[in-house]
PDB file of N, CA and C in Angstrom:
ATOM      1  N   UNK A   1       0.834  -1.174   0.015  1.00  0.00           N
ATOM      2  CA  UNK A   1      -0.015   0.000  -0.003  1.00  0.00           C
ATOM      3  C   UNK A   1       0.876   1.256  -0.030  1.00  0.00           C
ATOM      4  N   UNK A   2       0.336   2.288  -0.474  1.00  0.00           N
ATOM      5  CA  UNK A   2       1.067   3.534  -0.473  1.00  0.00           C
ATOM      6  C   UNK A   2       0.843   4.296   0.856  1.00  0.00           C
ATOM      7  N   UNK A   3       1.714   5.191   1.169  1.00  0.00           N
ATOM      8  CA  UNK A   3       1.647   5.935   2.394  1.00  0.00           C
ATOM      9  C   UNK A   3       0.443   6.901   2.332  1.00  0.00           C
ATOM     10  N   UNK A   4       0.053   7.354   3.567  1.00  0.00           N
ATOM     11  CA  UNK A   4      -1.046   8.275   3.576  1.00  0.00           C
ATOM     12  C   UNK A   4      -0.595   9.699   3.709  1.00  0.00           C
ATOM     13  N   UNK A   5      -1.353  10.645   3.188  1.00  0.00           N
ATOM     14  CA  UNK A   5      -1.236  12.076   3.412  1.00  0.00           C
ATOM     15  C   UNK A   5      -2.523  12.526   3.952  1.00  0.00           C
ATOM     16  N   UNK A   6      -2.628  12.725   5.214  1.00  0.00           N
ATOM     17  CA  UNK A   6      -3.908  13.004   5.842  1.00  0.00           C
ATOM     18  C   UNK A   6      -4.815  11.872   5.713  1.00  0.00           C
ATOM     19  N   UNK A   7      -5.931  12.018   5.059  1.00  0.00           N
ATOM     20  CA  UNK A   7      -6.894  10.971   4.839  1.00  0.00           C
ATOM     21  C   UNK A   7      -6.676  10.201   3.520  1.00  0.00           C
ATOM     22  N   UNK A   8      -5.829  10.757   2.643  1.00  0.00           N
ATOM     23  CA  UNK A   8      -5.710  10.185   1.313  1.00  0.00           C
ATOM     24  C   UNK A   8      -4.374   9.481   1.130  1.00  0.00           C
ATOM     25  N   UNK A   9      -4.371   8.491   0.230  1.00  0.00           N
ATOM     26  CA  UNK A   9      -3.172   7.812  -0.158  1.00  0.00           C
ATOM     27  C   UNK A   9      -2.408   8.659  -1.212  1.00  0.00           C
ATOM     28  N   UNK A  10      -1.113   8.498  -1.242  1.00  0.00           N
ATOM     29  CA  UNK A  10      -0.257   9.272  -2.166  1.00  0.00           C
ATOM     30  C   UNK A  10      -0.760   9.069  -3.606  1.00  0.00           C
ATOM     31  N   UNK A  11      -1.204   7.821  -3.949  1.00  0.00           N
ATOM     32  CA  UNK A  11      -1.626   7.486  -5.284  1.00  0.00           C
ATOM     33  C   UNK A  11      -2.851   8.397  -5.707  1.00  0.00           C
ATOM     34  N   UNK A  12      -3.608   8.873  -4.792  1.00  0.00           N
ATOM     35  CA  UNK A  12      -4.763   9.672  -5.131  1.00  0.00           C
ATOM     36  C   UNK A  12      -4.286  11.084  -5.567  1.00  0.00           C
ATOM     37  N   UNK A  13      -3.089  11.460  -5.221  1.00  0.00           N
ATOM     38  CA  UNK A  13      -2.579  12.794  -5.574  1.00  0.00           C
ATOM     39  C   UNK A  13      -1.807  12.748  -6.895  1.00  0.00           C
ATOM     40  N   UNK A  14      -1.629  11.649  -7.471  1.00  0.00           N
ATOM     41  CA  UNK A  14      -0.913  11.510  -8.779  1.00  0.00           C
ATOM     42  C   UNK A  14      -1.807  12.039  -9.868  1.00  0.00           C
ATOM     43  N   UNK A  15      -1.166  12.621 -10.936  1.00  0.00           N
ATOM     44  CA  UNK A  15      -1.952  13.099 -12.055  1.00  0.00           C
ATOM     45  C   UNK A  15      -2.222  11.944 -12.977  1.00  0.00           C
ATOM     46  N   UNK A  16      -3.152  12.220 -13.940  1.00  0.00           N
ATOM     47  CA  UNK A  16      -3.557  11.165 -14.866  1.00  0.00           C
ATOM     48  C   UNK A  16      -2.366  10.751 -15.761  1.00  0.00           C
ATOM     49  N   UNK A  17      -1.546  11.698 -16.167  1.00  0.00           N
ATOM     50  CA  UNK A  17      -0.378  11.397 -16.985  1.00  0.00           C
ATOM     51  C   UNK A  17       0.609  10.420 -16.265  1.00  0.00           C
ATOM     52  N   UNK A  18       0.848  10.754 -14.984  1.00  0.00           N
ATOM     53  CA  UNK A  18       1.744   9.858 -14.167  1.00  0.00           C
ATOM     54  C   UNK A  18       1.162   8.513 -14.003  1.00  0.00           C
ATOM     55  N   UNK A  19      -0.091   8.443 -13.706  1.00  0.00           N
ATOM     56  CA  UNK A  19      -0.774   7.076 -13.558  1.00  0.00           C
ATOM     57  C   UNK A  19      -0.631   6.338 -14.854  1.00  0.00           C
ATOM     58  N   UNK A  20      -0.851   6.977 -15.995  1.00  0.00           N
ATOM     59  CA  UNK A  20      -0.752   6.280 -17.310  1.00  0.00           C
ATOM     60  C   UNK A  20       0.632   5.771 -17.544  1.00  0.00           C
ATOM     61  N   UNK A  21       1.654   6.501 -17.173  1.00  0.00           N
ATOM     62  CA  UNK A  21       3.033   6.136 -17.316  1.00  0.00           C
ATOM     63  C   UNK A  21       3.362   4.935 -16.440  1.00  0.00           C
ATOM     64  N   UNK A  22       2.873   4.913 -15.219  1.00  0.00           N
ATOM     65  CA  UNK A  22       3.090   3.791 -14.329  1.00  0.00           C
ATOM     66  C   UNK A  22       2.409   2.550 -14.850  1.00  0.00           C
ATOM     67  N   UNK A  23       1.190   2.675 -15.380  1.00  0.00           N
ATOM     68  CA  UNK A  23       0.477   1.570 -15.947  1.00  0.00           C
ATOM     69  C   UNK A  23       1.237   0.989 -17.169  1.00  0.00           C
ATOM     70  N   UNK A  24       1.719   1.839 -17.982  1.00  0.00           N
ATOM     71  CA  UNK A  24       2.522   1.391 -19.214  1.00  0.00           C
ATOM     72  C   UNK A  24       3.748   0.640 -18.783  1.00  0.00           C
ATOM     73  N   UNK A  25       4.478   1.164 -17.780  1.00  0.00           N
ATOM     74  CA  UNK A  25       5.680   0.488 -17.306  1.00  0.00           C
ATOM     75  C   UNK A  25       5.384  -0.856 -16.709  1.00  0.00           C
ATOM     76  N   UNK A  26       4.281  -0.932 -15.916  1.00  0.00           N
ATOM     77  CA  UNK A  26       3.839  -2.229 -15.333  1.00  0.00           C
ATOM     78  C   UNK A  26       3.488  -3.211 -16.413  1.00  0.00           C
ATOM     79  N   UNK A  27       2.754  -2.806 -17.440  1.00  0.00           N
ATOM     80  CA  UNK A  27       2.413  -3.660 -18.492  1.00  0.00           C
ATOM     81  C   UNK A  27       3.653  -4.176 -19.271  1.00  0.00           C
ATOM     82  N   UNK A  28       4.578  -3.292 -19.492  1.00  0.00           N
ATOM     83  CA  UNK A  28       5.840  -3.670 -20.224  1.00  0.00           C
ATOM     84  C   UNK A  28       6.668  -4.635 -19.340  1.00  0.00           C
ATOM     85  N   UNK A  29       6.729  -4.374 -18.042  1.00  0.00           N
ATOM     86  CA  UNK A  29       7.437  -5.241 -17.148  1.00  0.00           C
ATOM     87  C   UNK A  29       6.828  -6.645 -17.121  1.00  0.00           C
ATOM     88  N   UNK A  30       5.541  -6.737 -17.098  1.00  0.00           N
ATOM     89  CA  UNK A  30       4.806  -8.019 -17.153  1.00  0.00           C
ATOM     90  C   UNK A  30       5.049  -8.734 -18.494  1.00  0.00           C
ATOM     91  N   UNK A  31       5.051  -8.025 -19.579  1.00  0.00           N
ATOM     92  CA  UNK A  31       5.305  -8.574 -20.891  1.00  0.00           C
ATOM     93  C   UNK A  31       6.657  -9.280 -20.954  1.00  0.00           C
ATOM     94  N   UNK A  32       7.643  -8.565 -20.346  1.00  0.00           N
ATOM     95  CA  UNK A  32       8.993  -9.122 -20.345  1.00  0.00           C
ATOM     96  C   UNK A  32       9.033 -10.418 -19.514  1.00  0.00           C
ATOM     97  N   UNK A  33       8.376 -10.459 -18.352  1.00  0.00           N
ATOM     98  CA  UNK A  33       8.347 -11.607 -17.513  1.00  0.00           C
ATOM     99  C   UNK A  33       7.640 -12.801 -18.249  1.00  0.00           C
ATOM    100  N   UNK A  34       6.550 -12.454 -18.980  1.00  0.00           N
ATOM    101  CA  UNK A  34       5.841 -13.548 -19.751  1.00  0.00           C
ATOM    102  C   UNK A  34       6.704 -14.040 -20.904  1.00  0.00           C
ATOM    103  N   UNK A  35       7.423 -13.189 -21.582  1.00  0.00           N
ATOM    104  CA  UNK A  35       8.268 -13.615 -22.681  1.00  0.00           C
ATOM    105  C   UNK A  35       9.410 -14.517 -22.155  1.00  0.00           C
ATOM    106  N   UNK A  36       9.988 -14.227 -21.016  1.00  0.00           N
ATOM    107  CA  UNK A  36      10.994 -15.078 -20.468  1.00  0.00           C
ATOM    108  C   UNK A  36      10.422 -16.438 -20.072  1.00  0.00           C
ATOM    109  N   UNK A  37       9.268 -16.460 -19.551  1.00  0.00           N
ATOM    110  CA  UNK A  37       8.629 -17.761 -19.169  1.00  0.00           C
ATOM    111  C   UNK A  37       8.322 -18.550 -20.412  1.00  0.00           C
ATOM    112  N   UNK A  38       7.769 -17.902 -21.474  1.00  0.00           N
ATOM    113  CA  UNK A  38       7.451 -18.599 -22.713  1.00  0.00           C
ATOM    114  C   UNK A  38       8.759 -19.190 -23.314  1.00  0.00           C
ATOM    115  N   UNK A  39       9.848 -18.409 -23.300  1.00  0.00           N
ATOM    116  CA  UNK A  39      11.086 -18.907 -23.873  1.00  0.00           C
ATOM    117  C   UNK A  39      11.627 -20.117 -23.056  1.00  0.00           C
ATOM    118  N   UNK A  40      11.451 -20.078 -21.713  1.00  0.00           N
ATOM    119  CA  UNK A  40      11.915 -21.142 -20.888  1.00  0.00           C
ATOM    120  C   UNK A  40      11.206 -22.434 -21.186  1.00  0.00           C
ATOM    121  N   UNK A  41       9.885 -22.382 -21.435  1.00  0.00           N
ATOM    122  CA  UNK A  41       9.134 -23.631 -21.645  1.00  0.00           C
ATOM    123  C   UNK A  41       8.793 -23.882 -23.125  1.00  0.00           C
ATOM    124  N   UNK A  42       9.362 -23.155 -24.048  1.00  0.00           N
ATOM    125  CA  UNK A  42       8.999 -23.167 -25.466  1.00  0.00           C
ATOM    126  C   UNK A  42       8.982 -24.519 -26.081  1.00  0.00           C
ATOM    127  N   UNK A  43       9.976 -25.370 -25.881  1.00  0.00           N
ATOM    128  CA  UNK A  43      10.142 -26.625 -26.593  1.00  0.00           C
ATOM    129  C   UNK A  43       9.849 -27.808 -25.614  1.00  0.00           C
ATOM    130  N   UNK A  44       9.188 -27.535 -24.524  1.00  0.00           N
ATOM    131  CA  UNK A  44       8.898 -28.611 -23.588  1.00  0.00           C
ATOM    132  C   UNK A  44       7.671 -29.400 -23.905  1.00  0.00           C
ATOM    133  N   UNK A  45       7.694 -30.722 -23.647  1.00  0.00           N
ATOM    134  CA  UNK A  45       6.488 -31.535 -23.786  1.00  0.00           C
ATOM    135  C   UNK A  45       5.759 -31.476 -22.498  1.00  0.00           C
ATOM    136  N   UNK A  46       4.380 -31.563 -22.624  1.00  0.00           N
ATOM    137  CA  UNK A  46       3.560 -31.555 -21.386  1.00  0.00           C
ATOM    138  C   UNK A  46       3.848 -32.705 -20.489  1.00  0.00           C
ATOM    139  N   UNK A  47       3.965 -32.502 -19.192  1.00  0.00           N
ATOM    140  CA  UNK A  47       4.200 -33.550 -18.258  1.00  0.00           C
ATOM    141  C   UNK A  47       5.640 -34.004 -18.121  1.00  0.00           C
ATOM    142  N   UNK A  48       6.511 -33.437 -18.893  1.00  0.00           N
ATOM    143  CA  UNK A  48       7.929 -33.806 -18.779  1.00  0.00           C
ATOM    144  C   UNK A  48       8.683 -32.788 -18.005  1.00  0.00           C
ATOM    145  N   UNK A  49       9.692 -33.181 -17.231  1.00  0.00           N
ATOM    146  CA  UNK A  49      10.507 -32.220 -16.412  1.00  0.00           C
ATOM    147  C   UNK A  49      11.316 -31.365 -17.377  1.00  0.00           C
ATOM    148  N   UNK A  50      11.740 -30.240 -16.854  1.00  0.00           N
ATOM    149  CA  UNK A  50      12.614 -29.333 -17.639  1.00  0.00           C
ATOM    150  C   UNK A  50      13.914 -30.042 -18.058  1.00  0.00           C
ATOM    151  N   UNK A  51      14.379 -29.843 -19.260  1.00  0.00           N
ATOM    152  CA  UNK A  51      15.666 -30.407 -19.687  1.00  0.00           C
ATOM    153  C   UNK A  51      16.758 -29.514 -19.063  1.00  0.00           C
ATOM    154  N   UNK A  52      17.937 -30.131 -18.751  1.00  0.00           N
ATOM    155  CA  UNK A  52      19.004 -29.417 -18.245  1.00  0.00           C
ATOM    156  C   UNK A  52      19.028 -29.293 -16.753  1.00  0.00           C
ATOM    157  N   UNK A  53      18.020 -29.783 -16.069  1.00  0.00           N
ATOM    158  CA  UNK A  53      18.005 -29.749 -14.592  1.00  0.00           C
ATOM    159  C   UNK A  53      18.411 -31.135 -14.075  1.00  0.00           C
ATOM    160  N   UNK A  54      19.142 -31.159 -13.013  1.00  0.00           N
ATOM    161  CA  UNK A  54      19.568 -32.425 -12.447  1.00  0.00           C
ATOM    162  C   UNK A  54      18.478 -32.927 -11.606  1.00  0.00           C
ATOM    163  N   UNK A  55      18.085 -34.153 -11.850  1.00  0.00           N
ATOM    164  CA  UNK A  55      16.982 -34.754 -11.144  1.00  0.00           C
ATOM    165  C   UNK A  55      17.387 -36.088 -10.482  1.00  0.00           C
TER     166      UNK A  55
END
């Protein structure tokens, strides 16, 4: 959670432009994480352990 200023959270004092920028960076960050996960499991068969891990 964000800190309070009086009765309001800091996020309530942000402008629309700043909120839009934060949203875009969050979406971009999530897209990077998803791309890494897809690359990790790209050639895997269902139900098989990851290749290259010691089991």
